[in-house]
């Protein structure tokens, strides 16, 4: 199979069709998936999973989990202030034999989490959930748990999971159409988790995979670097100080590209530590001239979310007739489906993608404007985990919040102009206090 054909296989394989985690069928599949003995009461479930202790040769028993858990949830699309902390949320169940159940120790807050509190993406994400359930009816959305990436300990696994063991501390990522990880437990495909490198803290590991996979997907799948080598490519990363920009710079340098990036003067020292070839203060009077001096570019990645009508001003910076690409992460895909419905929104998306390519003159110079987005691909998770293990990629952290203060973490992300990831730590005092809530 060619690399170009492999891309489609990677993407489609990332959207498994499975029953709902809230159905009796899901629980039945779960019970049949464990290599363990199982006992349950009306209020608590326990799973005894034997594992081998390499030092003693014994087989200690791993405990399982309660049928209820602590979680921050949305019960309607509203505002951050309407998120509810509960100790009565339903614990997730594994619906496939290639999944793992993780007790979360730390998680991050991403801009998508903030947008989703207001209902952003509900139409398209709801359609994907409906397809997963193979149902003709719209799935129940609430209560909705947000949170996209995490670090935690595996407490149970399906029978087909061979590379991970109960007790392993892992970092992972949750697709936006699944229930998230701002909760005590999360169930996720084993392909979307990897063992945490020993030198990383739980907080550092928790902030890597969502922004990392967003950058990886944008560059590899939408930027064509899965097919073409990045070596000696000249790449401009707009917004190098944010989470996705941080990852993009480090990935591109590892792949052998020449990287120019933009940020404001307050973030230059942070961005310099990531190793780009050139840093441009976008507030400087000669910023445009500097961009031209370091161009022209094979790829321009907009990790800052510039206004869509400003993209045209960057098109002259692309190389002509060399398959050069402008990748916009601030795409109108979810907004359009929310505004016009799934069918109408996808038709509007097609128009919104074609027209800028024509009006900007991109297609007449052999270049394109494309939209990039997060795609949950197993090989991308593996590559990021390997780079983290080799200390070749690290996500700067701006601030860590306690689990009980999750709303404050969301509000900090909502403010923007971040200098690294915002992390939530599942500290014991917060969890003990949360258990007292209803």
Protein backbone atom coordinates (compact mmCIF):
# COMPACT_ATOMS: atom_id res chain seq x y z
CA UNK A 1 0.00 0.00 0.00
CA UNK A 2 1.37 3.44 -0.92
CA UNK A 3 1.89 6.13 1.70
CA UNK A 4 -0.87 8.28 0.22
CA UNK A 5 -3.35 5.41 0.49
CA UNK A 6 -2.12 4.62 3.97
CA UNK A 7 -3.21 8.08 5.16
CA UNK A 8 -6.85 7.22 4.52
CA UNK A 9 -6.46 3.93 6.36
CA UNK A 10 -4.95 5.73 9.34
CA UNK A 11 -7.77 8.25 9.52
CA UNK A 12 -10.67 5.82 9.08
CA UNK A 13 -9.18 3.37 11.56
CA UNK A 14 -9.34 6.15 14.15
CA UNK A 15 -13.16 6.15 14.20
CA UNK A 16 -14.19 2.78 15.66
CA UNK A 17 -17.84 1.75 15.49
CA UNK A 18 -18.91 0.59 18.91
CA UNK A 19 -21.98 0.47 21.17
CA UNK A 20 -22.69 3.26 23.60
CA UNK A 21 -20.84 3.23 26.90
CA UNK A 22 -24.18 3.84 28.58
CA UNK A 23 -25.93 0.68 27.40
CA UNK A 24 -26.37 -2.76 28.88
CA UNK A 25 -24.64 -4.14 25.79
CA UNK A 26 -21.57 -2.08 26.62
CA UNK A 27 -21.44 -3.47 30.13
CA UNK A 28 -21.86 -7.02 28.82
CA UNK A 29 -18.96 -6.58 26.40
CA UNK A 30 -16.89 -5.12 29.20
CA UNK A 31 -17.45 -8.09 31.46
CA UNK A 32 -16.45 -10.52 28.73
CA UNK A 33 -13.33 -8.55 27.86
CA UNK A 34 -11.41 -8.86 31.11
CA UNK A 35 -8.82 -11.53 31.75
CA UNK A 36 -10.03 -11.53 35.32
CA UNK A 37 -12.68 -12.60 37.80
CA UNK A 38 -15.57 -10.19 38.19
CA UNK A 39 -18.01 -9.44 40.98
CA UNK A 40 -20.51 -6.59 41.32
CA UNK A 41 -23.12 -5.12 43.59
CA UNK A 42 -25.72 -2.49 42.86
CA UNK A 43 -23.39 0.33 43.87
CA UNK A 44 -19.85 -0.90 43.30
CA UNK A 45 -18.00 -2.96 40.72
CA UNK A 46 -14.73 -4.69 41.47
CA UNK A 47 -12.45 -6.44 39.05
CA UNK A 48 -9.61 -8.65 40.19
CA UNK A 49 -6.88 -8.65 37.58
CA UNK A 50 -3.90 -10.89 38.25
CA UNK A 51 -0.55 -9.51 37.16
CA UNK A 52 2.91 -10.94 37.60
CA UNK A 53 5.36 -9.24 39.96
CA UNK A 54 8.72 -9.51 38.20
CA UNK A 55 10.68 -9.33 41.45
CA UNK A 56 8.78 -11.81 43.61
CA UNK A 57 7.14 -13.98 40.97
CA UNK A 58 3.82 -13.62 42.77
CA UNK A 59 0.56 -12.48 41.22
CA UNK A 60 -0.77 -9.54 43.28
CA UNK A 61 -4.37 -8.49 42.76
CA UNK A 62 -5.15 -5.11 41.25
CA UNK A 63 -8.26 -3.40 42.61
CA UNK A 64 -10.90 -1.97 40.32
CA UNK A 65 -13.29 0.91 40.58
CA UNK A 66 -16.60 2.14 41.83
CA UNK A 67 -19.64 2.35 39.60
CA UNK A 68 -19.72 6.07 40.48
CA UNK A 69 -16.90 8.56 40.12
CA UNK A 70 -15.93 12.19 40.62
CA UNK A 71 -16.21 14.35 37.52
CA UNK A 72 -16.78 17.86 36.24
CA UNK A 73 -19.73 17.73 33.85
CA UNK A 74 -21.87 19.93 31.65
CA UNK A 75 -25.62 19.30 31.83
CA UNK A 76 -26.40 21.79 29.07
CA UNK A 77 -24.52 24.00 26.64
CA UNK A 78 -23.97 27.19 28.55
CA UNK A 79 -20.94 28.81 30.22
CA UNK A 80 -17.93 27.74 32.25
CA UNK A 81 -19.71 28.79 35.44
CA UNK A 82 -22.40 26.18 34.76
CA UNK A 83 -19.99 23.23 34.88
CA UNK A 84 -20.97 20.95 37.78
CA UNK A 85 -18.70 18.98 40.10
CA UNK A 86 -20.26 15.67 41.10
CA UNK A 87 -19.23 12.52 42.93
CA UNK A 88 -22.16 10.66 41.41
CA UNK A 89 -21.08 10.47 37.76
CA UNK A 90 -21.31 7.07 36.08
CA UNK A 91 -17.93 5.40 35.75
CA UNK A 92 -16.93 4.54 32.17
CA UNK A 93 -16.99 0.98 30.89
CA UNK A 94 -14.72 -0.55 28.28
CA UNK A 95 -16.77 -1.41 25.21
CA UNK A 96 -14.02 -3.10 23.21
CA UNK A 97 -11.30 -5.61 24.02
CA UNK A 98 -8.56 -3.19 22.86
CA UNK A 99 -9.39 -0.53 25.45
CA UNK A 100 -7.88 0.38 28.80
CA UNK A 101 -9.42 1.96 31.87
CA UNK A 102 -7.29 4.63 33.50
CA UNK A 103 -7.42 6.34 36.90
CA UNK A 104 -6.56 9.93 35.97
CA UNK A 105 -3.80 11.74 37.88
CA UNK A 106 -3.51 14.91 35.80
CA UNK A 107 -5.16 16.43 32.75
CA UNK A 108 -4.91 19.58 30.65
CA UNK A 109 -7.40 22.17 29.50
CA UNK A 110 -7.47 22.97 25.78
CA UNK A 111 -9.32 25.75 23.94
CA UNK A 112 -11.66 23.11 22.50
CA UNK A 113 -12.86 22.25 26.01
CA UNK A 114 -13.82 25.88 26.59
CA UNK A 115 -15.61 26.12 23.23
CA UNK A 116 -17.50 22.87 23.81
CA UNK A 117 -19.05 24.20 27.03
CA UNK A 118 -21.00 26.58 24.78
CA UNK A 119 -22.02 23.86 22.33
CA UNK A 120 -19.31 24.34 19.73
CA UNK A 121 -19.13 21.34 17.39
CA UNK A 122 -22.25 19.67 18.76
CA UNK A 123 -23.74 18.80 15.34
CA UNK A 124 -20.69 17.13 13.77
CA UNK A 125 -19.53 15.47 16.99
CA UNK A 126 -23.07 14.26 17.64
CA UNK A 127 -23.22 12.78 14.12
CA UNK A 128 -19.98 10.88 14.76
CA UNK A 129 -21.36 9.54 18.06
CA UNK A 130 -24.52 8.45 16.26
CA UNK A 131 -22.45 6.64 13.62
CA UNK A 132 -20.45 4.92 16.36
CA UNK A 133 -23.66 3.61 17.89
CA UNK A 134 -25.08 2.66 14.48
CA UNK A 135 -28.31 4.34 15.55
CA UNK A 136 -31.01 6.18 13.66
CA UNK A 137 -31.62 8.36 16.69
CA UNK A 138 -29.59 11.26 17.99
CA UNK A 139 -27.52 10.11 20.99
CA UNK A 140 -27.98 11.60 24.45
CA UNK A 141 -25.24 14.22 24.90
CA UNK A 142 -25.58 14.99 28.59
CA UNK A 143 -24.11 14.82 31.11
CA UNK A 144 -20.99 15.65 29.09
CA UNK A 145 -17.49 15.26 30.50
CA UNK A 146 -14.82 17.38 28.82
CA UNK A 147 -11.03 17.00 28.75
CA UNK A 148 -8.89 15.71 25.91
CA UNK A 149 -5.49 14.57 27.26
CA UNK A 150 -4.36 13.06 30.53
CA UNK A 151 -1.85 11.11 32.55
CA UNK A 152 -2.87 8.27 34.85
CA UNK A 153 -2.58 4.66 35.94
CA UNK A 154 -4.12 1.72 34.08
CA UNK A 155 -6.48 -0.17 36.39
CA UNK A 156 -8.03 -2.56 33.84
CA UNK A 157 -7.49 -3.60 30.23
CA UNK A 158 -9.13 -5.60 27.46
CA UNK A 159 -7.85 -9.03 26.46
CA UNK A 160 -6.28 -7.79 23.22
CA UNK A 161 -4.10 -5.20 24.98
CA UNK A 162 -0.65 -6.80 25.08
CA UNK A 163 1.82 -3.91 25.21
CA UNK A 164 0.40 -2.32 28.37
CA UNK A 165 -0.18 -3.74 31.83
CA UNK A 166 -2.36 -2.93 34.81
CA UNK A 167 -0.35 -0.57 37.01
CA UNK A 168 1.43 1.17 34.12
CA UNK A 169 1.44 4.96 34.32
CA UNK A 170 0.46 6.25 30.89
CA UNK A 171 -0.29 9.45 29.01
CA UNK A 172 -3.21 9.44 26.62
CA UNK A 173 -5.59 11.41 24.46
CA UNK A 174 -9.38 11.24 24.07
CA UNK A 175 -11.14 12.05 20.76
CA UNK A 176 -13.61 14.98 21.04
CA UNK A 177 -16.60 12.77 20.24
CA UNK A 178 -15.95 10.57 23.32
CA UNK A 179 -16.54 11.35 26.98
CA UNK A 180 -13.50 13.21 28.26
CA UNK A 181 -10.99 12.89 31.06
CA UNK A 182 -11.84 15.68 33.51
CA UNK A 183 -13.03 12.84 35.69
CA UNK A 184 -11.67 10.24 38.08
CA UNK A 185 -11.61 7.50 35.41
CA UNK A 186 -11.49 7.39 31.62
CA UNK A 187 -11.80 4.54 29.12
CA UNK A 188 -9.87 4.88 25.86
CA UNK A 189 -8.41 2.80 23.05
CA UNK A 190 -4.99 1.38 23.93
CA UNK A 191 -3.68 2.82 20.67
CA UNK A 192 -4.22 6.32 22.03
CA UNK A 193 -2.13 5.87 25.18
CA UNK A 194 1.57 5.33 25.75
CA UNK A 195 3.75 4.70 28.79
CA UNK A 196 4.81 7.88 30.52
CA UNK A 197 8.56 8.53 30.25
CA UNK A 198 10.15 8.31 33.70
CA UNK A 199 11.70 11.78 33.51
CA UNK A 200 8.35 13.51 32.94
CA UNK A 201 6.06 14.53 35.77
CA UNK A 202 2.40 13.56 35.58
CA UNK A 203 1.59 17.19 34.79
CA UNK A 204 4.10 17.42 31.93
CA UNK A 205 2.88 14.15 30.41
CA UNK A 206 -0.75 15.22 30.71
CA UNK A 207 -0.22 18.22 28.44
CA UNK A 208 1.54 16.53 25.53
CA UNK A 209 -0.74 14.45 23.36
CA UNK A 210 -3.69 16.63 22.33
CA UNK A 211 -1.62 19.61 21.19
CA UNK A 212 1.08 17.23 19.98
CA UNK A 213 -1.35 15.23 17.86
CA UNK A 214 -2.94 18.41 16.54
CA UNK A 215 0.46 19.60 15.32
CA UNK A 216 1.40 16.12 14.06
CA UNK A 217 -1.90 15.73 12.16
CA UNK A 218 -1.70 19.20 10.64
CA UNK A 219 1.85 18.72 9.36
CA UNK A 220 1.86 15.02 8.50
CA UNK A 221 -1.67 14.42 7.20
CA UNK A 222 -2.79 17.84 5.97
CA UNK A 223 0.65 19.27 5.19
CA UNK A 224 1.71 16.22 3.22
CA UNK A 225 4.76 15.38 5.33
CA UNK A 226 3.52 11.81 5.79
CA UNK A 227 4.24 11.34 2.10
CA UNK A 228 7.04 13.87 1.55
CA UNK A 229 10.12 14.22 3.73
CA UNK A 230 10.39 17.36 5.84
CA UNK A 231 14.17 17.50 5.45
CA UNK A 232 15.28 20.96 4.27
CA UNK A 233 11.69 22.18 3.95
CA UNK A 234 11.32 25.86 4.82
CA UNK A 235 8.40 26.18 7.26
CA UNK A 236 6.77 29.17 8.94
CA UNK A 237 4.90 28.53 12.21
CA UNK A 238 2.62 31.43 13.09
CA UNK A 239 2.23 31.53 16.86
CA UNK A 240 5.15 29.57 18.24
CA UNK A 241 4.43 30.31 21.91
CA UNK A 242 1.17 28.34 22.20
CA UNK A 243 0.82 24.61 22.81
CA UNK A 244 0.39 23.58 19.16
CA UNK A 245 3.11 26.01 18.04
CA UNK A 246 5.50 24.60 20.67
CA UNK A 247 4.97 21.06 19.38
CA UNK A 248 5.13 22.02 15.71
CA UNK A 249 8.52 23.71 16.12
CA UNK A 250 10.02 20.72 17.93
CA UNK A 251 8.57 18.17 15.50
CA UNK A 252 9.75 20.07 12.45
CA UNK A 253 13.28 20.46 13.81
CA UNK A 254 13.41 16.75 14.60
CA UNK A 255 12.30 15.99 11.05
CA UNK A 256 15.05 18.18 9.63
CA UNK A 257 13.09 21.25 8.50
CA UNK A 258 14.19 24.87 8.66
CA UNK A 259 11.77 26.68 10.97
CA UNK A 260 10.82 30.33 11.26
CA UNK A 261 8.24 31.25 13.88
CA UNK A 262 6.42 34.32 15.19
CA UNK A 263 5.55 35.41 18.72
CA UNK A 264 5.53 38.65 20.70
CA UNK A 265 8.51 40.00 22.62
CA UNK A 266 7.39 38.52 25.97
CA UNK A 267 7.58 34.96 24.62
CA UNK A 268 10.89 35.11 22.75
CA UNK A 269 12.93 33.41 25.47
CA UNK A 270 10.41 30.58 25.76
CA UNK A 271 10.28 30.04 22.00
CA UNK A 272 14.07 30.25 21.66
CA UNK A 273 14.39 27.24 23.98
CA UNK A 274 12.44 25.15 21.43
CA UNK A 275 15.17 25.52 18.80
CA UNK A 276 13.67 27.36 15.78
CA UNK A 277 16.09 28.81 13.23
CA UNK A 278 14.45 32.24 13.21
CA UNK A 279 12.14 34.06 15.63
CA UNK A 280 10.17 37.12 14.53
CA UNK A 281 8.42 39.48 16.93
CA UNK A 282 5.14 40.02 15.13
CA UNK A 283 4.68 43.37 16.89
CA UNK A 284 7.88 44.76 15.36
CA UNK A 285 7.51 47.37 12.60
CA UNK A 286 9.61 45.34 10.18
CA UNK A 287 7.92 41.99 10.95
CA UNK A 288 6.57 41.66 7.41
CA UNK A 289 9.97 42.39 5.93
CA UNK A 290 11.58 39.75 8.16
CA UNK A 291 8.99 37.19 7.07
CA UNK A 292 9.87 37.90 3.45
CA UNK A 293 13.60 37.69 4.10
CA UNK A 294 13.32 34.21 5.59
CA UNK A 295 10.87 33.00 2.90
CA UNK A 296 9.65 31.69 0.65
CA UNK A 297 8.06 28.80 2.49
CA UNK A 298 7.03 25.26 1.65
CA UNK A 299 4.52 25.20 4.51
CA UNK A 300 2.91 27.92 6.61
CA UNK A 301 1.18 26.56 9.72
CA UNK A 302 -1.18 28.95 11.47
CA UNK A 303 -1.06 27.86 15.11
CA UNK A 304 -2.25 31.26 16.33
CA UNK A 305 -5.74 31.21 14.82
CA UNK A 306 -5.46 34.36 12.73
CA UNK A 307 -8.62 35.77 11.19
CA UNK A 308 -9.67 33.85 8.09
CA UNK A 309 -9.72 37.01 5.98
CA UNK A 310 -6.04 37.64 6.75
CA UNK A 311 -4.82 34.38 5.24
CA UNK A 312 -4.57 35.96 1.80
CA UNK A 313 -1.79 38.28 2.99
CA UNK A 314 0.43 35.27 3.67
CA UNK A 315 -0.05 33.60 0.28
CA UNK A 316 2.74 35.59 -1.47
CA UNK A 317 5.15 34.05 1.06
CA UNK A 318 4.56 30.54 -0.27
CA UNK A 319 6.79 29.02 -2.92
CA UNK A 320 5.20 28.85 -6.33
CA UNK A 321 4.59 25.58 -8.17
CA UNK A 322 6.10 23.43 -5.46
CA UNK A 323 2.97 22.08 -3.73
CA UNK A 324 3.35 24.73 -1.00
CA UNK A 325 0.60 24.75 1.61
CA UNK A 326 -1.01 27.13 4.09
CA UNK A 327 -2.55 25.11 6.94
CA UNK A 328 -5.22 26.85 9.01
CA UNK A 329 -6.12 25.28 12.35
CA UNK A 330 -8.95 27.76 12.86
CA UNK A 331 -11.25 26.19 10.32
CA UNK A 332 -15.01 26.84 10.00
CA UNK A 333 -15.91 23.13 9.82
CA UNK A 334 -17.59 22.81 13.23
CA UNK A 335 -19.06 26.32 13.11
CA UNK A 336 -20.67 25.64 9.73
CA UNK A 337 -22.23 22.33 10.76
CA UNK A 338 -23.53 23.98 13.94
CA UNK A 339 -25.06 26.82 11.91
CA UNK A 340 -26.42 24.94 8.88
CA UNK A 341 -26.82 21.35 10.05
CA UNK A 342 -24.64 18.43 9.01
CA UNK A 343 -25.52 18.32 5.28
CA UNK A 344 -25.79 22.08 4.79
CA UNK A 345 -22.69 22.68 6.89
CA UNK A 346 -20.56 20.25 4.90
CA UNK A 347 -21.72 21.89 1.67
CA UNK A 348 -20.82 25.30 3.13
CA UNK A 349 -17.43 23.90 4.15
CA UNK A 350 -16.73 22.88 0.58
CA UNK A 351 -17.53 26.38 -0.63
CA UNK A 352 -15.48 28.01 2.12
CA UNK A 353 -12.48 25.91 1.19
CA UNK A 354 -12.66 26.32 -2.58
CA UNK A 355 -13.37 30.06 -2.78
CA UNK A 356 -10.33 31.27 -0.74
CA UNK A 357 -8.06 29.03 -2.81
CA UNK A 358 -9.35 30.74 -5.95
CA UNK A 359 -9.63 34.33 -4.71
CA UNK A 360 -6.19 34.27 -3.09
CA UNK A 361 -4.68 33.04 -6.34
CA UNK A 362 -3.20 30.00 -4.58
CA UNK A 363 -4.38 27.45 -7.12
CA UNK A 364 -2.93 29.54 -9.95
CA UNK A 365 0.52 29.32 -8.36
CA UNK A 366 0.50 25.63 -7.53
CA UNK A 367 -0.18 26.12 -3.80
CA UNK A 368 -3.19 25.42 -1.58
CA UNK A 369 -4.99 26.56 1.55
CA UNK A 370 -5.97 23.62 3.75
CA UNK A 371 -7.64 23.13 7.10
CA UNK A 372 -5.83 21.13 9.74
CA UNK A 373 -7.36 19.46 12.76
CA UNK A 374 -6.72 16.87 15.44
CA UNK A 375 -6.89 13.30 14.15
CA UNK A 376 -6.43 10.44 16.67
CA UNK A 377 -3.86 8.28 14.87
CA UNK A 378 -1.98 5.53 16.71
CA UNK A 379 1.31 5.95 14.84
CA UNK A 380 1.33 9.65 15.75
CA UNK A 381 0.87 8.85 19.44
CA UNK A 382 3.74 6.36 19.24
CA UNK A 383 6.05 8.87 17.56
CA UNK A 384 5.30 11.58 20.12
CA UNK A 385 5.82 9.13 22.98
CA UNK A 386 9.16 8.04 21.52
CA UNK A 387 10.32 11.64 21.14
CA UNK A 388 9.25 12.38 24.71
CA UNK A 389 11.16 9.32 25.94
CA UNK A 390 14.26 10.55 24.10
CA UNK A 391 13.81 14.04 25.58
CA UNK A 392 13.37 15.52 22.11
CA UNK A 393 9.98 17.10 22.77
CA UNK A 394 8.58 18.81 25.83
CA UNK A 395 5.54 20.99 26.33
CA UNK A 396 6.09 24.08 28.51
CA UNK A 397 3.55 24.47 31.31
CA UNK A 398 2.10 27.84 32.17
CA UNK A 399 0.13 27.05 35.31
CA UNK A 400 -1.20 24.09 37.28
CA UNK A 401 -4.61 24.21 38.96
CA UNK A 402 -6.11 21.88 41.54
CA UNK A 403 -8.98 19.67 40.40
CA UNK A 404 -11.39 21.55 42.62
CA UNK A 405 -10.43 24.78 40.81
CA UNK A 406 -11.12 23.49 37.31
CA UNK A 407 -13.37 26.44 36.43
CA UNK A 408 -10.46 28.82 37.05
CA UNK A 409 -8.30 26.75 34.69
CA UNK A 410 -10.98 27.00 31.97
CA UNK A 411 -11.18 30.76 32.44
CA UNK A 412 -7.42 31.12 32.09
CA UNK A 413 -7.53 29.26 28.77
CA UNK A 414 -10.48 31.39 27.70
CA UNK A 415 -8.38 34.53 28.25
CA UNK A 416 -5.87 33.38 25.63
CA UNK A 417 -2.24 34.42 25.04
CA UNK A 418 -0.96 31.32 26.82
CA UNK A 419 2.73 30.63 27.35
CA UNK A 420 2.40 26.88 27.64
CA UNK A 421 -0.23 24.39 28.76
CA UNK A 422 -2.75 24.82 31.57
CA UNK A 423 -2.84 21.68 33.71
CA UNK A 424 -5.26 20.22 36.26
CA UNK A 425 -3.80 18.00 38.97
CA UNK A 426 -6.07 15.47 40.65
CA UNK A 427 -4.71 16.21 44.12
CA UNK A 428 -5.98 14.23 47.12
CA UNK A 429 -7.46 17.22 49.06
CA UNK A 430 -9.51 18.21 45.99
CA UNK A 431 -10.71 14.67 45.41
CA UNK A 432 -11.60 14.18 49.08
CA UNK A 433 -13.55 17.44 49.06
CA UNK A 434 -15.28 16.48 45.81
CA UNK A 435 -16.46 13.19 47.32
CA UNK A 436 -18.61 15.19 49.69
CA UNK A 437 -20.59 16.69 46.77
CA UNK A 438 -23.74 15.11 45.37
